[in-house]
C-alpha cells in the first residue's frame, strides 16, 4: 500500500476570538511567513497582530462558518475521502493542516500505522511559495526526524501548470461564465511581500525588474510565485478562450505596511467599477478549497466594495473542492499518470 498525504494551510478550531487568536499566533509565528528578526516577529505577532486582528478575523470566520465547521476543513476532508474512493485499496489517503488540526505529525503516524511502503506528499498549493509550500515541507522534514522508521517520503512538485488542475478550474469556471455573463474576469491570487519574491530570483536580475517579468516561465523565475500565478491564469484563460483584454490578474490579502506584489485586488475592483464594468467574475486559483479568502474576502467583502463603487454584481467562481474532475486529476497526478 502507498500512503498519500495532502497538506492544506489550516483553520482555527472555531470562529471564536480565543481560537482565532491562537491560530493567528501559530500561523504568523512561522519564520517562513513573517521572515524578520525572531524577537521583532514575536513582538509583532503577540502584541500587535494577534490581539487586534483576532476580533475582526473572528467576525469574518463567523460569516462563513458552517454547521459542520470550517469550510476549508470540510472541503479538504471531503477531497481526501473522494480521493480515497477514486484511488482504491492500494492507497491510503490522509490529510493534514500546516497550522491547526489535524496536524502533520498525527497524519504521518496514521500512515505509518497502516504500514505503507511509501508516502507521497502533496502540499495543496498550486503555485510554489516558501511561505506555503516551503513551510509545509519544512514541517514534514522536521516531523520525519522525530518518527522512527517512517516510510520513504516522495514529495510531489507544485502543480500550477498541471493539465488536470487547469482543466478542473476551467470546467467550473465555464459554468460560472455561462450563468453569470460577466463583462470582465479577474484571476485573484493570494498576495506575498515583495521581499519573498526577490529571494527566489536566481541571479537577482529578473524579478520585478520590468513590467512583463512574469509573463513567461524561464530559469530565472522558475520558483517565482508571481510568475506561477500569471502562468496559471493565462492557461485557464486560454482553456476558456477568454480574450486577453477581458481578464486581469491581481493579488489579495495583503497585511501590514511592507510592499506586497501588485496589482492589488481591492484597488482593481474599485477601478473596474469606475471604468463602467458592471458584472465582475472572480477566479481564485491559488486556493483549491473554498475558505476565508474566497468566501468572505471575495464573495462578501469584494462584492460589497464593487457594488459600492458603482458595479452591478460580483460573483465568485467556486473553488475545486471535491469536484469529480479534480478528484480524478489529483488521483492521476499522485500516481504519476
C-alpha atoms as a PDB file:
ATOM      1  CA  UNK A   1       0.000   0.000   0.000  1.00  0.00           C
ATOM      2  CA  UNK A   2       1.136   3.534  -0.816  1.00  0.00           C
ATOM      3  CA  UNK A   3       0.361   6.394   1.553  1.00  0.00           C
ATOM      4  CA  UNK A   4      -0.924   9.768   0.383  1.00  0.00           C
ATOM      5  CA  UNK A   5      -0.580  12.916   2.491  1.00  0.00           C
ATOM      6  CA  UNK A   6      -2.414  16.037   1.372  1.00  0.00           C
ATOM      7  CA  UNK A   7      -1.454  19.253   3.186  1.00  0.00           C
ATOM      8  CA  UNK A   8      -3.551  22.400   3.328  1.00  0.00           C
ATOM      9  CA  UNK A   9      -2.826  25.636   5.164  1.00  0.00           C
ATOM     10  CA  UNK A  10      -5.086  25.469   8.194  1.00  0.00           C
ATOM     11  CA  UNK A  11      -8.016  26.917  10.070  1.00  0.00           C
ATOM     12  CA  UNK A  12      -8.972  27.825  13.623  1.00  0.00           C
ATOM     13  CA  UNK A  13     -10.882  25.198  15.619  1.00  0.00           C
ATOM     14  CA  UNK A  14     -13.838  27.555  15.964  1.00  0.00           C
ATOM     15  CA  UNK A  15     -14.742  31.093  14.823  1.00  0.00           C
ATOM     16  CA  UNK A  16     -14.498  32.465  18.352  1.00  0.00           C
ATOM     17  CA  UNK A  17     -11.909  35.125  19.177  1.00  0.00           C
ATOM     18  CA  UNK A  18      -9.860  32.911  21.518  1.00  0.00           C
ATOM     19  CA  UNK A  19      -9.418  30.157  18.928  1.00  0.00           C
ATOM     20  CA  UNK A  20      -8.781  32.605  16.088  1.00  0.00           C
ATOM     21  CA  UNK A  21      -6.115  34.372  18.170  1.00  0.00           C
ATOM     22  CA  UNK A  22      -4.455  31.007  18.904  1.00  0.00           C
ATOM     23  CA  UNK A  23      -4.472  30.145  15.195  1.00  0.00           C
ATOM     24  CA  UNK A  24      -3.052  33.523  14.168  1.00  0.00           C
ATOM     25  CA  UNK A  25      -0.229  33.175  16.682  1.00  0.00           C
ATOM     26  CA  UNK A  26       0.759  29.775  15.318  1.00  0.00           C
ATOM     27  CA  UNK A  27       0.434  30.841  11.681  1.00  0.00           C
ATOM     28  CA  UNK A  28       2.182  34.193  11.902  1.00  0.00           C
ATOM     29  CA  UNK A  29       4.950  32.955  14.215  1.00  0.00           C
ATOM     30  CA  UNK A  30       6.227  30.803  11.356  1.00  0.00           C
ATOM     31  CA  UNK A  31       9.543  32.325  10.145  1.00  0.00           C
ATOM     32  CA  UNK A  32       8.620  31.277   6.604  1.00  0.00           C
ATOM     33  CA  UNK A  33       5.558  33.547   6.798  1.00  0.00           C
ATOM     34  CA  UNK A  34       6.966  36.586   8.617  1.00  0.00           C
ATOM     35  CA  UNK A  35      10.658  36.393   7.816  1.00  0.00           C
ATOM     36  CA  UNK A  36      12.061  39.041  10.134  1.00  0.00           C
ATOM     37  CA  UNK A  37      14.168  39.057  13.302  1.00  0.00           C
ATOM     38  CA  UNK A  38      12.669  36.467  15.730  1.00  0.00           C
ATOM     39  CA  UNK A  39      12.294  38.950  18.577  1.00  0.00           C
ATOM     40  CA  UNK A  40      10.681  41.526  16.321  1.00  0.00           C
ATOM     41  CA  UNK A  41       8.367  38.815  14.926  1.00  0.00           C
ATOM     42  CA  UNK A  42       7.312  37.724  18.425  1.00  0.00           C
ATOM     43  CA  UNK A  43       6.550  41.300  19.454  1.00  0.00           C
ATOM     44  CA  UNK A  44       4.666  41.997  16.217  1.00  0.00           C
ATOM     45  CA  UNK A  45       2.557  38.838  16.358  1.00  0.00           C
ATOM     46  CA  UNK A  46       1.836  38.613  20.089  1.00  0.00           C
ATOM     47  CA  UNK A  47       1.490  42.293  20.956  1.00  0.00           C
ATOM     48  CA  UNK A  48       0.039  43.817  17.796  1.00  0.00           C
ATOM     49  CA  UNK A  49      -1.379  41.471  15.133  1.00  0.00           C
ATOM     50  CA  UNK A  50      -2.987  38.706  17.202  1.00  0.00           C
ATOM     51  CA  UNK A  51      -4.620  40.937  19.857  1.00  0.00           C
ATOM     52  CA  UNK A  52      -6.030  43.485  17.394  1.00  0.00           C
ATOM     53  CA  UNK A  53      -6.692  41.318  14.343  1.00  0.00           C
ATOM     54  CA  UNK A  54      -8.318  38.334  16.100  1.00  0.00           C
ATOM     55  CA  UNK A  55     -11.701  40.008  16.821  1.00  0.00           C
ATOM     56  CA  UNK A  56     -12.002  41.216  13.234  1.00  0.00           C
ATOM     57  CA  UNK A  57     -10.915  37.860  11.817  1.00  0.00           C
ATOM     58  CA  UNK A  58     -13.327  36.037  14.126  1.00  0.00           C
ATOM     59  CA  UNK A  59     -16.232  38.045  12.687  1.00  0.00           C
ATOM     60  CA  UNK A  60     -15.082  37.146   9.191  1.00  0.00           C
ATOM     61  CA  UNK A  61     -14.909  33.448  10.069  1.00  0.00           C
ATOM     62  CA  UNK A  62     -18.345  33.625  11.690  1.00  0.00           C
ATOM     63  CA  UNK A  63     -19.814  34.943   8.427  1.00  0.00           C
ATOM     64  CA  UNK A  64     -18.819  31.781   6.529  1.00  0.00           C
ATOM     65  CA  UNK A  65     -18.732  29.101   9.243  1.00  0.00           C
ATOM     66  CA  UNK A  66     -20.962  26.102   8.563  1.00  0.00           C
ATOM     67  CA  UNK A  67     -22.783  23.761  10.947  1.00  0.00           C
ATOM     68  CA  UNK A  68     -20.134  21.114  10.227  1.00  0.00           C
ATOM     69  CA  UNK A  69     -17.330  23.579  10.872  1.00  0.00           C
ATOM     70  CA  UNK A  70     -14.735  25.456   8.867  1.00  0.00           C
ATOM     71  CA  UNK A  71     -15.335  25.381   5.085  1.00  0.00           C
ATOM     72  CA  UNK A  72     -11.635  24.752   4.444  1.00  0.00           C
ATOM     73  CA  UNK A  73     -11.627  21.766   6.780  1.00  0.00           C
ATOM     74  CA  UNK A  74     -14.892  20.417   5.361  1.00  0.00           C
ATOM     75  CA  UNK A  75     -13.761  20.673   1.738  1.00  0.00           C
ATOM     76  CA  UNK A  76     -10.293  19.251   2.414  1.00  0.00           C
ATOM     77  CA  UNK A  77     -11.775  16.292   4.303  1.00  0.00           C
ATOM     78  CA  UNK A  78     -14.292  15.657   1.512  1.00  0.00           C
ATOM     79  CA  UNK A  79     -11.493  15.804  -1.052  1.00  0.00           C
ATOM     80  CA  UNK A  80      -9.450  13.227   0.874  1.00  0.00           C
ATOM     81  CA  UNK A  81     -12.476  10.961   1.191  1.00  0.00           C
ATOM     82  CA  UNK A  82     -13.350  11.211  -2.509  1.00  0.00           C
ATOM     83  CA  UNK A  83      -9.714  10.654  -3.448  1.00  0.00           C
ATOM     84  CA  UNK A  84      -9.610   7.512  -1.308  1.00  0.00           C
ATOM     85  CA  UNK A  85     -12.583   6.108  -3.238  1.00  0.00           C
ATOM     86  CA  UNK A  86     -11.044   7.103  -6.567  1.00  0.00           C
ATOM     87  CA  UNK A  87      -7.608   5.595  -5.835  1.00  0.00           C
ATOM     88  CA  UNK A  88      -8.830   2.374  -4.228  1.00  0.00           C
ATOM     89  CA  UNK A  89      -7.388  -0.054  -1.712  1.00  0.00           C
ATOM     90  CA  UNK A  90      -3.804   0.111  -2.983  1.00  0.00           C
ATOM     91  CA  UNK A  91      -3.563   3.594  -1.471  1.00  0.00           C
ATOM     92  CA  UNK A  92      -4.343   5.115   1.911  1.00  0.00           C
ATOM     93  CA  UNK A  93      -5.155   8.840   1.950  1.00  0.00           C
ATOM     94  CA  UNK A  94      -4.693  11.174   4.901  1.00  0.00           C
ATOM     95  CA  UNK A  95      -4.801  14.954   5.062  1.00  0.00           C
ATOM     96  CA  UNK A  96      -3.229  17.438   7.431  1.00  0.00           C
ATOM     97  CA  UNK A  97      -3.087  21.161   8.086  1.00  0.00           C
ATOM     98  CA  UNK A  98       0.148  23.097   8.335  1.00  0.00           C
ATOM     99  CA  UNK A  99      -1.395  25.071  11.191  1.00  0.00           C
ATOM    100  CA  UNK A 100      -4.129  23.799  13.460  1.00  0.00           C
ATOM    101  CA  UNK A 101      -5.658  20.335  13.269  1.00  0.00           C
ATOM    102  CA  UNK A 102      -5.304  17.643  12.088  1.00  0.00           C
ATOM    103  CA  UNK A 103      -1.563  18.249  12.261  1.00  0.00           C
ATOM    104  CA  UNK A 104       1.148  16.799  10.070  1.00  0.00           C
ATOM    105  CA  UNK A 105       2.624  14.579  12.780  1.00  0.00           C
ATOM    106  CA  UNK A 106      -0.664  12.804  13.508  1.00  0.00           C
ATOM    107  CA  UNK A 107      -1.271  12.218   9.793  1.00  0.00           C
ATOM    108  CA  UNK A 108       2.195  10.735   9.277  1.00  0.00           C
ATOM    109  CA  UNK A 109       1.746   8.483  12.305  1.00  0.00           C
ATOM    110  CA  UNK A 110      -1.548   7.199  10.869  1.00  0.00           C
ATOM    111  CA  UNK A 111       0.182   6.392   7.589  1.00  0.00           C
ATOM    112  CA  UNK A 112       2.993   4.621   9.400  1.00  0.00           C
ATOM    113  CA  UNK A 113       0.433   2.550  11.343  1.00  0.00           C
ATOM    114  CA  UNK A 114      -1.047   1.431   8.018  1.00  0.00           C
ATOM    115  CA  UNK A 115       2.395   0.006   7.150  1.00  0.00           C
ATOM    116  CA  UNK A 116       2.534   1.812   3.816  1.00  0.00           C
ATOM    117  CA  UNK A 117       5.723   1.279   1.839  1.00  0.00           C
ATOM    118  CA  UNK A 118       5.953   4.902   0.654  1.00  0.00           C
ATOM    119  CA  UNK A 119       4.318   8.222   1.486  1.00  0.00           C
ATOM    120  CA  UNK A 120       3.588  10.635  -1.346  1.00  0.00           C
ATOM    121  CA  UNK A 121       3.284  14.173  -0.018  1.00  0.00           C
ATOM    122  CA  UNK A 122       1.383  16.849  -1.903  1.00  0.00           C
ATOM    123  CA  UNK A 123       1.036  20.363  -0.470  1.00  0.00           C
ATOM    124  CA  UNK A 124      -2.268  21.645  -1.886  1.00  0.00           C
ATOM    125  CA  UNK A 125      -0.829  24.975  -3.041  1.00  0.00           C
ATOM    126  CA  UNK A 126      -0.766  25.102  -6.855  1.00  0.00           C
ATOM    127  CA  UNK A 127       1.875  27.850  -7.080  1.00  0.00           C
ATOM    128  CA  UNK A 128       5.129  27.491  -5.162  1.00  0.00           C
ATOM    129  CA  UNK A 129       5.887  29.908  -2.332  1.00  0.00           C
ATOM    130  CA  UNK A 130       8.310  29.473   0.536  1.00  0.00           C
ATOM    131  CA  UNK A 131       5.630  30.712   2.958  1.00  0.00           C
ATOM    132  CA  UNK A 132       3.195  27.930   1.973  1.00  0.00           C
ATOM    133  CA  UNK A 133       4.823  25.019   0.128  1.00  0.00           C
ATOM    134  CA  UNK A 134       8.260  25.613   1.636  1.00  0.00           C
ATOM    135  CA  UNK A 135       6.932  25.914   5.174  1.00  0.00           C
ATOM    136  CA  UNK A 136       4.768  22.793   4.868  1.00  0.00           C
ATOM    137  CA  UNK A 137       7.640  20.706   3.567  1.00  0.00           C
ATOM    138  CA  UNK A 138       9.983  22.033   6.237  1.00  0.00           C
ATOM    139  CA  UNK A 139       7.469  20.865   8.829  1.00  0.00           C
ATOM    140  CA  UNK A 140       7.230  17.446   7.155  1.00  0.00           C
ATOM    141  CA  UNK A 141      11.021  17.043   7.280  1.00  0.00           C
ATOM    142  CA  UNK A 142      11.092  18.186  10.904  1.00  0.00           C
ATOM    143  CA  UNK A 143       8.467  15.619  11.891  1.00  0.00           C
ATOM    144  CA  UNK A 144      10.173  12.930   9.809  1.00  0.00           C
ATOM    145  CA  UNK A 145      13.218  13.164  12.091  1.00  0.00           C
ATOM    146  CA  UNK A 146      11.016  12.593  15.139  1.00  0.00           C
ATOM    147  CA  UNK A 147       9.266   9.430  13.891  1.00  0.00           C
ATOM    148  CA  UNK A 148      11.343   6.272  13.920  1.00  0.00           C
ATOM    149  CA  UNK A 149      11.183   4.035  10.839  1.00  0.00           C
ATOM    150  CA  UNK A 150       8.885   6.321   8.893  1.00  0.00           C
ATOM    151  CA  UNK A 151       8.391   5.049   5.320  1.00  0.00           C
ATOM    152  CA  UNK A 152      10.186   6.798   2.452  1.00  0.00           C
ATOM    153  CA  UNK A 153       8.771  10.200   1.570  1.00  0.00           C
ATOM    154  CA  UNK A 154       8.194  11.251  -2.030  1.00  0.00           C
ATOM    155  CA  UNK A 155       7.444  14.957  -2.480  1.00  0.00           C
ATOM    156  CA  UNK A 156       5.292  15.941  -5.433  1.00  0.00           C
ATOM    157  CA  UNK A 157       6.039  19.256  -7.169  1.00  0.00           C
ATOM    158  CA  UNK A 158       3.808  22.308  -7.406  1.00  0.00           C
ATOM    159  CA  UNK A 159       1.054  21.861  -9.989  1.00  0.00           C
ATOM    160  CA  UNK A 160       0.422  25.414 -11.230  1.00  0.00           C
ATOM    161  CA  UNK A 161       0.544  24.263 -14.863  1.00  0.00           C
ATOM    162  CA  UNK A 162      -0.732  20.702 -14.461  1.00  0.00           C
ATOM    163  CA  UNK A 163      -3.248  19.932 -17.211  1.00  0.00           C
ATOM    164  CA  UNK A 164      -5.733  18.349 -14.807  1.00  0.00           C
ATOM    165  CA  UNK A 165      -5.611  21.335 -12.457  1.00  0.00           C
ATOM    166  CA  UNK A 166      -6.153  23.760 -15.350  1.00  0.00           C
ATOM    167  CA  UNK A 167      -8.999  21.715 -16.863  1.00  0.00           C
ATOM    168  CA  UNK A 168     -10.704  21.331 -13.485  1.00  0.00           C
ATOM    169  CA  UNK A 169     -10.735  25.067 -12.770  1.00  0.00           C
ATOM    170  CA  UNK A 170     -11.766  25.754 -16.351  1.00  0.00           C
ATOM    171  CA  UNK A 171     -14.678  23.315 -16.139  1.00  0.00           C
ATOM    172  CA  UNK A 172     -16.053  25.004 -13.023  1.00  0.00           C
ATOM    173  CA  UNK A 173     -15.345  28.459 -14.437  1.00  0.00           C
ATOM    174  CA  UNK A 174     -17.112  27.692 -17.715  1.00  0.00           C
ATOM    175  CA  UNK A 175     -20.385  27.108 -15.887  1.00  0.00           C
ATOM    176  CA  UNK A 176     -19.956  30.337 -13.897  1.00  0.00           C
ATOM    177  CA  UNK A 177     -19.261  32.343 -17.049  1.00  0.00           C
ATOM    178  CA  UNK A 178     -22.325  30.931 -18.812  1.00  0.00           C
ATOM    179  CA  UNK A 179     -24.608  31.608 -15.842  1.00  0.00           C
ATOM    180  CA  UNK A 180     -23.244  34.984 -14.719  1.00  0.00           C
ATOM    181  CA  UNK A 181     -22.356  36.568 -18.085  1.00  0.00           C
ATOM    182  CA  UNK A 182     -19.556  38.847 -16.783  1.00  0.00           C
ATOM    183  CA  UNK A 183     -18.201  41.828 -18.674  1.00  0.00           C
ATOM    184  CA  UNK A 184     -14.772  41.325 -17.064  1.00  0.00           C
ATOM    185  CA  UNK A 185     -12.958  38.493 -15.286  1.00  0.00           C
ATOM    186  CA  UNK A 186     -10.361  38.674 -12.531  1.00  0.00           C
ATOM    187  CA  UNK A 187      -7.864  35.999 -11.529  1.00  0.00           C
ATOM    188  CA  UNK A 188      -7.167  36.888  -7.913  1.00  0.00           C
ATOM    189  CA  UNK A 189      -4.305  35.111  -6.129  1.00  0.00           C
ATOM    190  CA  UNK A 190      -3.129  35.353  -2.538  1.00  0.00           C
ATOM    191  CA  UNK A 191      -0.536  38.085  -2.213  1.00  0.00           C
ATOM    192  CA  UNK A 192       3.034  37.927  -0.916  1.00  0.00           C
ATOM    193  CA  UNK A 193       5.505  40.521   0.326  1.00  0.00           C
ATOM    194  CA  UNK A 194       7.801  41.715  -2.440  1.00  0.00           C
ATOM    195  CA  UNK A 195      10.848  40.526  -0.493  1.00  0.00           C
ATOM    196  CA  UNK A 196       9.601  36.924  -0.716  1.00  0.00           C
ATOM    197  CA  UNK A 197       9.568  37.179  -4.498  1.00  0.00           C
ATOM    198  CA  UNK A 198      13.018  38.742  -4.710  1.00  0.00           C
ATOM    199  CA  UNK A 199      14.510  35.940  -2.596  1.00  0.00           C
ATOM    200  CA  UNK A 200      13.573  33.423  -5.320  1.00  0.00           C
ATOM    201  CA  UNK A 201      15.183  35.427  -8.145  1.00  0.00           C
ATOM    202  CA  UNK A 202      18.125  33.380  -9.395  1.00  0.00           C
ATOM    203  CA  UNK A 203      20.847  35.945 -10.120  1.00  0.00           C
ATOM    204  CA  UNK A 204      18.808  38.854  -8.790  1.00  0.00           C
ATOM    205  CA  UNK A 205      18.433  40.453 -12.220  1.00  0.00           C
ATOM    206  CA  UNK A 206      14.921  39.455 -13.309  1.00  0.00           C
ATOM    207  CA  UNK A 207      12.053  39.521 -10.804  1.00  0.00           C
ATOM    208  CA  UNK A 208      10.109  42.804 -10.731  1.00  0.00           C
ATOM    209  CA  UNK A 209      12.818  44.491 -12.795  1.00  0.00           C
ATOM    210  CA  UNK A 210      10.369  45.085 -15.672  1.00  0.00           C
ATOM    211  CA  UNK A 211       6.606  45.073 -16.077  1.00  0.00           C
ATOM    212  CA  UNK A 212       6.433  41.817 -18.048  1.00  0.00           C
ATOM    213  CA  UNK A 213       8.858  39.813 -15.883  1.00  0.00           C
ATOM    214  CA  UNK A 214       6.179  37.220 -15.036  1.00  0.00           C
ATOM    215  CA  UNK A 215       4.657  36.762 -18.471  1.00  0.00           C
ATOM    216  CA  UNK A 216       6.606  33.560 -19.160  1.00  0.00           C
ATOM    217  CA  UNK A 217       8.458  30.978 -17.107  1.00  0.00           C
ATOM    218  CA  UNK A 218      12.242  30.981 -17.570  1.00  0.00           C
ATOM    219  CA  UNK A 219      15.090  29.647 -15.380  1.00  0.00           C
ATOM    220  CA  UNK A 220      15.441  32.978 -13.565  1.00  0.00           C
ATOM    221  CA  UNK A 221      11.846  32.913 -12.303  1.00  0.00           C
ATOM    222  CA  UNK A 222      11.314  29.157 -12.141  1.00  0.00           C
ATOM    223  CA  UNK A 223      10.471  29.356  -8.426  1.00  0.00           C
ATOM    224  CA  UNK A 224       8.718  32.728  -8.595  1.00  0.00           C
ATOM    225  CA  UNK A 225       5.253  32.602  -7.053  1.00  0.00           C
ATOM    226  CA  UNK A 226       4.056  35.615  -9.034  1.00  0.00           C
ATOM    227  CA  UNK A 227       5.210  34.069 -12.319  1.00  0.00           C
ATOM    228  CA  UNK A 228       3.469  30.802 -11.399  1.00  0.00           C
ATOM    229  CA  UNK A 229       0.254  32.749 -10.767  1.00  0.00           C
ATOM    230  CA  UNK A 230       0.429  34.538 -14.099  1.00  0.00           C
ATOM    231  CA  UNK A 231       1.056  31.231 -15.855  1.00  0.00           C
ATOM    232  CA  UNK A 232      -1.925  29.524 -14.172  1.00  0.00           C
ATOM    233  CA  UNK A 233      -4.199  32.430 -15.090  1.00  0.00           C
ATOM    234  CA  UNK A 234      -3.068  32.506 -18.698  1.00  0.00           C
ATOM    235  CA  UNK A 235      -3.566  28.741 -19.072  1.00  0.00           C
ATOM    236  CA  UNK A 236      -7.092  28.858 -17.617  1.00  0.00           C
ATOM    237  CA  UNK A 237      -7.939  31.849 -19.813  1.00  0.00           C
ATOM    238  CA  UNK A 238      -6.605  30.003 -22.872  1.00  0.00           C
ATOM    239  CA  UNK A 239      -8.621  26.885 -21.998  1.00  0.00           C
ATOM    240  CA  UNK A 240     -11.768  29.031 -21.753  1.00  0.00           C
ATOM    241  CA  UNK A 241     -10.912  31.167 -24.808  1.00  0.00           C
ATOM    242  CA  UNK A 242     -11.052  34.389 -22.766  1.00  0.00           C
ATOM    243  CA  UNK A 243      -9.519  37.269 -24.800  1.00  0.00           C
ATOM    244  CA  UNK A 244      -6.582  38.989 -23.077  1.00  0.00           C
ATOM    245  CA  UNK A 245      -8.463  42.293 -22.863  1.00  0.00           C
ATOM    246  CA  UNK A 246     -11.304  40.630 -20.961  1.00  0.00           C
ATOM    247  CA  UNK A 247      -9.349  39.473 -17.920  1.00  0.00           C
ATOM    248  CA  UNK A 248      -6.884  40.824 -15.376  1.00  0.00           C
ATOM    249  CA  UNK A 249      -4.539  39.255 -12.803  1.00  0.00           C
ATOM    250  CA  UNK A 250      -4.304  40.597  -9.257  1.00  0.00           C
ATOM    251  CA  UNK A 251      -3.338  39.761  -5.666  1.00  0.00           C
ATOM    252  CA  UNK A 252      -5.373  39.886  -2.456  1.00  0.00           C
ATOM    253  CA  UNK A 253      -4.962  39.563   1.323  1.00  0.00           C
ATOM    254  CA  UNK A 254      -2.017  41.887   1.889  1.00  0.00           C
ATOM    255  CA  UNK A 255      -1.057  42.555   5.504  1.00  0.00           C
ATOM    256  CA  UNK A 256       0.957  45.342   7.090  1.00  0.00           C
ATOM    257  CA  UNK A 257       2.880  48.222   5.554  1.00  0.00           C
ATOM    258  CA  UNK A 258       5.662  46.318   3.817  1.00  0.00           C
ATOM    259  CA  UNK A 259       5.463  46.340  -0.023  1.00  0.00           C
ATOM    260  CA  UNK A 260       3.362  43.489  -1.476  1.00  0.00           C
ATOM    261  CA  UNK A 261       3.132  42.251  -5.036  1.00  0.00           C
ATOM    262  CA  UNK A 262       0.742  44.119  -7.325  1.00  0.00           C
ATOM    263  CA  UNK A 263      -1.765  44.841  -8.721  1.00  0.00           C
ATOM    264  CA  UNK A 264      -3.973  44.718  -5.634  1.00  0.00           C
ATOM    265  CA  UNK A 265      -7.361  43.039  -5.954  1.00  0.00           C
ATOM    266  CA  UNK A 266      -9.270  45.525  -3.783  1.00  0.00           C
ATOM    267  CA  UNK A 267      -7.986  48.536  -5.708  1.00  0.00           C
ATOM    268  CA  UNK A 268      -8.511  46.923  -9.129  1.00  0.00           C
ATOM    269  CA  UNK A 269     -12.107  46.025  -8.247  1.00  0.00           C
ATOM    270  CA  UNK A 270     -12.891  49.674  -7.477  1.00  0.00           C
ATOM    271  CA  UNK A 271     -11.097  50.861 -10.616  1.00  0.00           C
ATOM    272  CA  UNK A 272     -13.060  48.448 -12.812  1.00  0.00           C
ATOM    273  CA  UNK A 273     -16.352  49.670 -11.369  1.00  0.00           C
ATOM    274  CA  UNK A 274     -15.329  53.246 -12.164  1.00  0.00           C
ATOM    275  CA  UNK A 275     -14.493  52.088 -15.706  1.00  0.00           C
ATOM    276  CA  UNK A 276     -18.159  51.101 -16.066  1.00  0.00           C
ATOM    277  CA  UNK A 277     -17.607  47.361 -15.686  1.00  0.00           C
ATOM    278  CA  UNK A 278     -20.895  46.142 -14.274  1.00  0.00           C
ATOM    279  CA  UNK A 279     -20.578  42.375 -13.836  1.00  0.00           C
ATOM    280  CA  UNK A 280     -17.311  41.056 -12.438  1.00  0.00           C
ATOM    281  CA  UNK A 281     -16.457  37.355 -12.115  1.00  0.00           C
ATOM    282  CA  UNK A 282     -13.502  36.296  -9.964  1.00  0.00           C
ATOM    283  CA  UNK A 283     -11.437  33.107 -10.079  1.00  0.00           C
ATOM    284  CA  UNK A 284      -9.148  32.363  -7.093  1.00  0.00           C
ATOM    285  CA  UNK A 285      -6.736  29.731  -8.483  1.00  0.00           C
ATOM    286  CA  UNK A 286      -4.281  29.811  -5.584  1.00  0.00           C
ATOM    287  CA  UNK A 287      -6.899  28.067  -3.439  1.00  0.00           C
ATOM    288  CA  UNK A 288      -8.058  24.524  -4.241  1.00  0.00           C
ATOM    289  CA  UNK A 289     -10.687  24.641  -1.477  1.00  0.00           C
ATOM    290  CA  UNK A 290     -13.063  27.444  -0.588  1.00  0.00           C
ATOM    291  CA  UNK A 291     -12.009  29.210   2.584  1.00  0.00           C
ATOM    292  CA  UNK A 292     -11.973  32.582   4.331  1.00  0.00           C
ATOM    293  CA  UNK A 293     -10.039  34.217   1.492  1.00  0.00           C
ATOM    294  CA  UNK A 294     -12.505  33.132  -1.185  1.00  0.00           C
ATOM    295  CA  UNK A 295     -15.880  33.036   0.565  1.00  0.00           C
ATOM    296  CA  UNK A 296     -15.538  36.087   2.810  1.00  0.00           C
ATOM    297  CA  UNK A 297     -12.820  38.270   1.304  1.00  0.00           C
ATOM    298  CA  UNK A 298     -14.043  37.906  -2.286  1.00  0.00           C
ATOM    299  CA  UNK A 299     -17.578  36.543  -2.040  1.00  0.00           C
ATOM    300  CA  UNK A 300     -18.705  39.072   0.591  1.00  0.00           C
ATOM    301  CA  UNK A 301     -16.309  41.998   1.054  1.00  0.00           C
ATOM    302  CA  UNK A 302     -15.138  42.378  -2.545  1.00  0.00           C
ATOM    303  CA  UNK A 303     -18.711  42.156  -3.779  1.00  0.00           C
ATOM    304  CA  UNK A 304     -19.795  44.898  -1.375  1.00  0.00           C
ATOM    305  CA  UNK A 305     -16.865  47.113  -2.445  1.00  0.00           C
ATOM    306  CA  UNK A 306     -17.574  46.589  -6.150  1.00  0.00           C
ATOM    307  CA  UNK A 307     -21.250  47.473  -5.809  1.00  0.00           C
ATOM    308  CA  UNK A 308     -20.453  50.476  -3.592  1.00  0.00           C
ATOM    309  CA  UNK A 309     -18.086  51.747  -6.314  1.00  0.00           C
ATOM    310  CA  UNK A 310     -20.815  51.566  -8.967  1.00  0.00           C
ATOM    311  CA  UNK A 311     -20.698  47.959 -10.141  1.00  0.00           C
ATOM    312  CA  UNK A 312     -23.857  45.919 -10.607  1.00  0.00           C
ATOM    313  CA  UNK A 313     -22.782  42.496  -9.315  1.00  0.00           C
ATOM    314  CA  UNK A 314     -19.722  40.407  -8.499  1.00  0.00           C
ATOM    315  CA  UNK A 315     -19.589  36.619  -8.377  1.00  0.00           C
ATOM    316  CA  UNK A 316     -17.016  34.149  -7.110  1.00  0.00           C
ATOM    317  CA  UNK A 317     -16.120  31.079  -9.166  1.00  0.00           C
ATOM    318  CA  UNK A 318     -16.333  28.147  -6.707  1.00  0.00           C
ATOM    319  CA  UNK A 319     -13.015  26.512  -5.927  1.00  0.00           C
ATOM    320  CA  UNK A 320     -12.128  22.938  -6.895  1.00  0.00           C
ATOM    321  CA  UNK A 321     -13.174  21.482  -3.528  1.00  0.00           C
ATOM    322  CA  UNK A 322     -14.122  17.836  -4.229  1.00  0.00           C
ATOM    323  CA  UNK A 323     -15.279  18.325  -7.835  1.00  0.00           C
ATOM    324  CA  UNK A 324     -15.177  14.911  -9.606  1.00  0.00           C
ATOM    325  CA  UNK A 325     -12.845  16.128 -12.358  1.00  0.00           C
ATOM    326  CA  UNK A 326     -10.408  17.499  -9.768  1.00  0.00           C
ATOM    327  CA  UNK A 327     -10.535  14.265  -7.779  1.00  0.00           C
ATOM    328  CA  UNK A 328      -9.751  12.280 -10.927  1.00  0.00           C
ATOM    329  CA  UNK A 329      -6.989  14.703 -11.953  1.00  0.00           C
ATOM    330  CA  UNK A 330      -5.459  14.626  -8.481  1.00  0.00           C
ATOM    331  CA  UNK A 331      -5.505  10.835  -8.489  1.00  0.00           C
ATOM    332  CA  UNK A 332      -3.649  10.770 -11.803  1.00  0.00           C
ATOM    333  CA  UNK A 333      -1.163  13.339 -10.530  1.00  0.00           C
ATOM    334  CA  UNK A 334      -0.422  11.269  -7.430  1.00  0.00           C
ATOM    335  CA  UNK A 335       0.003   8.118  -9.499  1.00  0.00           C
ATOM    336  CA  UNK A 336       2.316   9.813 -11.992  1.00  0.00           C
ATOM    337  CA  UNK A 337      -0.046   9.353 -14.933  1.00  0.00           C
END
